[in-house]
């Protein structure tokens, strides 16, 4: 998906940072587990990058949770 433009009406809300810190993982450790650069993790956590489905599934597996627990779509009308 890539970076989300700031004017998008549909925003992806995520709890990746919350799950990561609960598991006592650094961004680098989680990035290594899912095969991305640590800066990509920072972009995801700040909501500046929407992960692909494959990456979202890898994150959920690494954090031992469901994808729906990590990501939610906030729809604006």
N, C-alpha and C. Protein backbone atom coordinates (compact mmCIF):
# COMPACT_ATOMS: atom_id res chain seq x y z
N UNK A 1 0.82 -1.19 0.00
CA UNK A 1 0.00 0.00 0.00
C UNK A 1 0.87 1.25 0.00
N UNK A 2 1.86 1.29 0.84
CA UNK A 2 2.74 2.44 0.87
C UNK A 2 2.26 3.53 1.80
N UNK A 3 2.93 4.66 1.71
CA UNK A 3 2.57 5.79 2.56
C UNK A 3 1.19 6.30 2.22
N UNK A 4 0.44 6.69 3.25
CA UNK A 4 -0.90 7.21 3.05
C UNK A 4 -0.84 8.72 2.94
N UNK A 5 -1.47 9.28 1.91
CA UNK A 5 -1.56 10.73 1.84
C UNK A 5 -2.35 11.26 3.03
N UNK A 6 -1.94 12.40 3.56
CA UNK A 6 -2.59 12.96 4.75
C UNK A 6 -4.06 13.29 4.51
N UNK A 7 -4.48 13.53 3.26
CA UNK A 7 -5.86 13.91 3.01
C UNK A 7 -6.79 12.70 2.85
N UNK A 8 -6.27 11.48 2.96
CA UNK A 8 -7.14 10.31 2.85
C UNK A 8 -8.26 10.39 3.86
N UNK A 9 -9.49 10.10 3.41
CA UNK A 9 -10.64 10.09 4.32
C UNK A 9 -10.62 8.85 5.20
N UNK A 10 -10.14 7.73 4.65
CA UNK A 10 -10.06 6.49 5.41
C UNK A 10 -8.66 6.39 6.01
N UNK A 11 -8.59 6.40 7.32
CA UNK A 11 -7.32 6.32 8.01
C UNK A 11 -7.18 4.95 8.66
N UNK A 12 -5.98 4.42 8.64
CA UNK A 12 -5.70 3.14 9.26
C UNK A 12 -5.19 3.41 10.67
N UNK A 13 -5.96 2.96 11.64
CA UNK A 13 -5.56 3.08 13.04
C UNK A 13 -4.83 1.81 13.42
N UNK A 14 -3.72 1.94 14.14
CA UNK A 14 -3.01 0.73 14.52
C UNK A 14 -2.52 0.78 15.95
N UNK A 15 -2.35 -0.41 16.50
CA UNK A 15 -1.88 -0.57 17.88
C UNK A 15 -0.57 -1.34 17.91
N UNK A 16 0.19 -1.26 16.83
CA UNK A 16 1.44 -2.00 16.72
C UNK A 16 2.39 -1.62 17.85
N UNK A 17 2.57 -0.33 18.09
CA UNK A 17 3.50 0.10 19.13
C UNK A 17 3.07 -0.42 20.50
N UNK A 18 1.78 -0.37 20.78
CA UNK A 18 1.27 -0.85 22.07
C UNK A 18 1.57 -2.34 22.25
N UNK A 19 1.29 -3.15 21.23
CA UNK A 19 1.57 -4.59 21.31
C UNK A 19 3.06 -4.85 21.40
N UNK A 20 3.85 -4.08 20.65
CA UNK A 20 5.31 -4.26 20.66
C UNK A 20 5.88 -3.98 22.04
N UNK A 21 5.46 -2.88 22.66
CA UNK A 21 6.00 -2.53 23.97
C UNK A 21 5.53 -3.52 25.04
N UNK A 22 4.30 -4.02 24.92
CA UNK A 22 3.82 -5.04 25.86
C UNK A 22 4.67 -6.30 25.78
N UNK A 23 5.16 -6.60 24.60
CA UNK A 23 5.99 -7.79 24.39
C UNK A 23 7.47 -7.49 24.68
N UNK A 24 7.74 -6.25 25.09
CA UNK A 24 9.10 -5.80 25.42
C UNK A 24 10.07 -6.00 24.27
N UNK A 25 9.60 -5.63 23.07
CA UNK A 25 10.44 -5.69 21.87
C UNK A 25 10.80 -4.27 21.45
N UNK A 26 12.01 -4.10 20.97
CA UNK A 26 12.38 -2.82 20.37
C UNK A 26 11.86 -2.79 18.94
N UNK A 27 11.86 -1.62 18.34
CA UNK A 27 11.46 -1.53 16.92
C UNK A 27 12.38 -2.39 16.07
N UNK A 28 13.67 -2.35 16.38
CA UNK A 28 14.65 -3.13 15.61
C UNK A 28 14.36 -4.63 15.73
N UNK A 29 14.06 -5.10 16.93
CA UNK A 29 13.77 -6.52 17.12
C UNK A 29 12.54 -6.95 16.34
N UNK A 30 11.48 -6.15 16.40
CA UNK A 30 10.27 -6.49 15.65
C UNK A 30 10.53 -6.41 14.15
N UNK A 31 11.24 -5.39 13.73
CA UNK A 31 11.58 -5.26 12.30
C UNK A 31 12.34 -6.49 11.82
N UNK A 32 13.30 -6.96 12.61
CA UNK A 32 14.07 -8.15 12.24
C UNK A 32 13.17 -9.38 12.16
N UNK A 33 12.23 -9.50 13.09
CA UNK A 33 11.32 -10.65 13.09
C UNK A 33 10.44 -10.71 11.84
N UNK A 34 10.03 -9.53 11.35
CA UNK A 34 9.10 -9.52 10.20
C UNK A 34 9.80 -9.21 8.88
N UNK A 35 11.10 -8.91 8.92
CA UNK A 35 11.86 -8.74 7.69
C UNK A 35 11.76 -7.37 7.04
N UNK A 36 11.69 -6.32 7.87
CA UNK A 36 11.68 -4.96 7.32
C UNK A 36 12.73 -4.10 8.03
N UNK A 37 12.99 -2.93 7.51
CA UNK A 37 13.91 -1.98 8.12
C UNK A 37 13.25 -1.39 9.37
N UNK A 38 14.06 -1.10 10.40
CA UNK A 38 13.48 -0.56 11.64
C UNK A 38 12.73 0.74 11.40
N UNK A 39 13.15 1.53 10.41
CA UNK A 39 12.46 2.79 10.13
C UNK A 39 11.07 2.54 9.57
N UNK A 40 10.89 1.45 8.86
CA UNK A 40 9.56 1.09 8.37
C UNK A 40 8.62 0.86 9.55
N UNK A 41 9.14 0.24 10.62
CA UNK A 41 8.32 0.04 11.82
C UNK A 41 7.89 1.38 12.40
N UNK A 42 8.78 2.34 12.39
CA UNK A 42 8.47 3.67 12.89
C UNK A 42 7.36 4.31 12.06
N UNK A 43 7.46 4.20 10.74
CA UNK A 43 6.42 4.75 9.86
C UNK A 43 5.07 4.08 10.12
N UNK A 44 5.08 2.77 10.29
CA UNK A 44 3.84 2.04 10.56
C UNK A 44 3.23 2.50 11.88
N UNK A 45 4.05 2.56 12.91
CA UNK A 45 3.54 2.94 14.23
C UNK A 45 2.98 4.36 14.25
N UNK A 46 3.55 5.25 13.46
CA UNK A 46 3.05 6.63 13.40
C UNK A 46 1.88 6.79 12.43
N UNK A 47 1.52 5.72 11.74
CA UNK A 47 0.41 5.78 10.80
C UNK A 47 0.76 6.43 9.48
N UNK A 48 2.05 6.52 9.19
CA UNK A 48 2.50 7.13 7.93
C UNK A 48 2.69 6.10 6.82
N UNK A 49 2.58 4.84 7.16
CA UNK A 49 2.77 3.77 6.19
C UNK A 49 1.74 2.68 6.47
N UNK A 50 0.96 2.33 5.48
CA UNK A 50 0.00 1.24 5.60
C UNK A 50 0.68 -0.03 5.10
N UNK A 51 0.83 -1.02 5.97
CA UNK A 51 1.53 -2.23 5.55
C UNK A 51 0.73 -3.05 4.55
N UNK A 52 1.43 -3.83 3.78
CA UNK A 52 0.76 -4.78 2.88
C UNK A 52 0.07 -5.83 3.74
N UNK A 53 -0.80 -6.59 3.13
CA UNK A 53 -1.48 -7.66 3.86
C UNK A 53 -0.46 -8.66 4.40
N UNK A 54 0.51 -9.02 3.58
CA UNK A 54 1.53 -9.98 4.01
C UNK A 54 2.30 -9.46 5.23
N UNK A 55 2.67 -8.18 5.22
CA UNK A 55 3.40 -7.61 6.34
C UNK A 55 2.50 -7.52 7.57
N UNK A 56 1.24 -7.17 7.40
CA UNK A 56 0.30 -7.12 8.52
C UNK A 56 0.16 -8.50 9.16
N UNK A 57 0.10 -9.54 8.34
CA UNK A 57 0.01 -10.91 8.85
C UNK A 57 1.29 -11.32 9.58
N UNK A 58 2.45 -10.92 9.05
CA UNK A 58 3.72 -11.23 9.73
C UNK A 58 3.81 -10.50 11.07
N UNK A 59 3.34 -9.24 11.11
CA UNK A 59 3.33 -8.49 12.36
C UNK A 59 2.44 -9.16 13.40
N UNK A 60 1.25 -9.56 12.98
CA UNK A 60 0.33 -10.21 13.90
C UNK A 60 0.94 -11.51 14.44
N UNK A 61 1.57 -12.28 13.57
CA UNK A 61 2.19 -13.53 14.00
C UNK A 61 3.33 -13.26 14.99
N UNK A 62 4.16 -12.26 14.69
CA UNK A 62 5.29 -11.93 15.55
C UNK A 62 4.82 -11.41 16.91
N UNK A 63 3.68 -10.73 16.93
CA UNK A 63 3.16 -10.15 18.16
C UNK A 63 2.12 -11.06 18.83
N UNK A 64 1.92 -12.24 18.23
CA UNK A 64 1.03 -13.25 18.79
C UNK A 64 -0.38 -12.70 19.02
N UNK A 65 -0.93 -12.11 17.96
CA UNK A 65 -2.28 -11.58 18.03
C UNK A 65 -2.92 -11.67 16.64
N UNK A 66 -4.15 -11.24 16.55
CA UNK A 66 -4.85 -11.23 15.27
C UNK A 66 -4.63 -9.89 14.58
N UNK A 67 -4.68 -9.90 13.26
CA UNK A 67 -4.52 -8.67 12.48
C UNK A 67 -5.55 -7.63 12.90
N UNK A 68 -6.77 -8.09 13.17
CA UNK A 68 -7.85 -7.17 13.57
C UNK A 68 -7.55 -6.47 14.89
N UNK A 69 -6.70 -7.06 15.70
CA UNK A 69 -6.32 -6.42 16.96
C UNK A 69 -5.29 -5.30 16.72
N UNK A 70 -4.51 -5.44 15.67
CA UNK A 70 -3.46 -4.47 15.35
C UNK A 70 -3.96 -3.31 14.51
N UNK A 71 -4.85 -3.57 13.56
CA UNK A 71 -5.26 -2.56 12.60
C UNK A 71 -6.77 -2.43 12.52
N UNK A 72 -7.23 -1.18 12.45
CA UNK A 72 -8.65 -0.89 12.26
C UNK A 72 -8.77 0.25 11.27
N UNK A 73 -9.78 0.18 10.45
CA UNK A 73 -10.03 1.22 9.47
C UNK A 73 -11.00 2.24 10.05
N UNK A 74 -10.57 3.49 10.16
CA UNK A 74 -11.45 4.58 10.59
C UNK A 74 -12.00 5.22 9.33
N UNK A 75 -13.27 5.07 9.10
CA UNK A 75 -13.90 5.58 7.89
C UNK A 75 -14.58 6.90 8.19
N UNK A 76 -14.24 7.92 7.41
CA UNK A 76 -14.89 9.23 7.53
C UNK A 76 -15.87 9.40 6.39
N UNK A 77 -17.00 9.90 6.69
CA UNK A 77 -18.02 10.12 5.65
C UNK A 77 -18.12 11.58 5.31
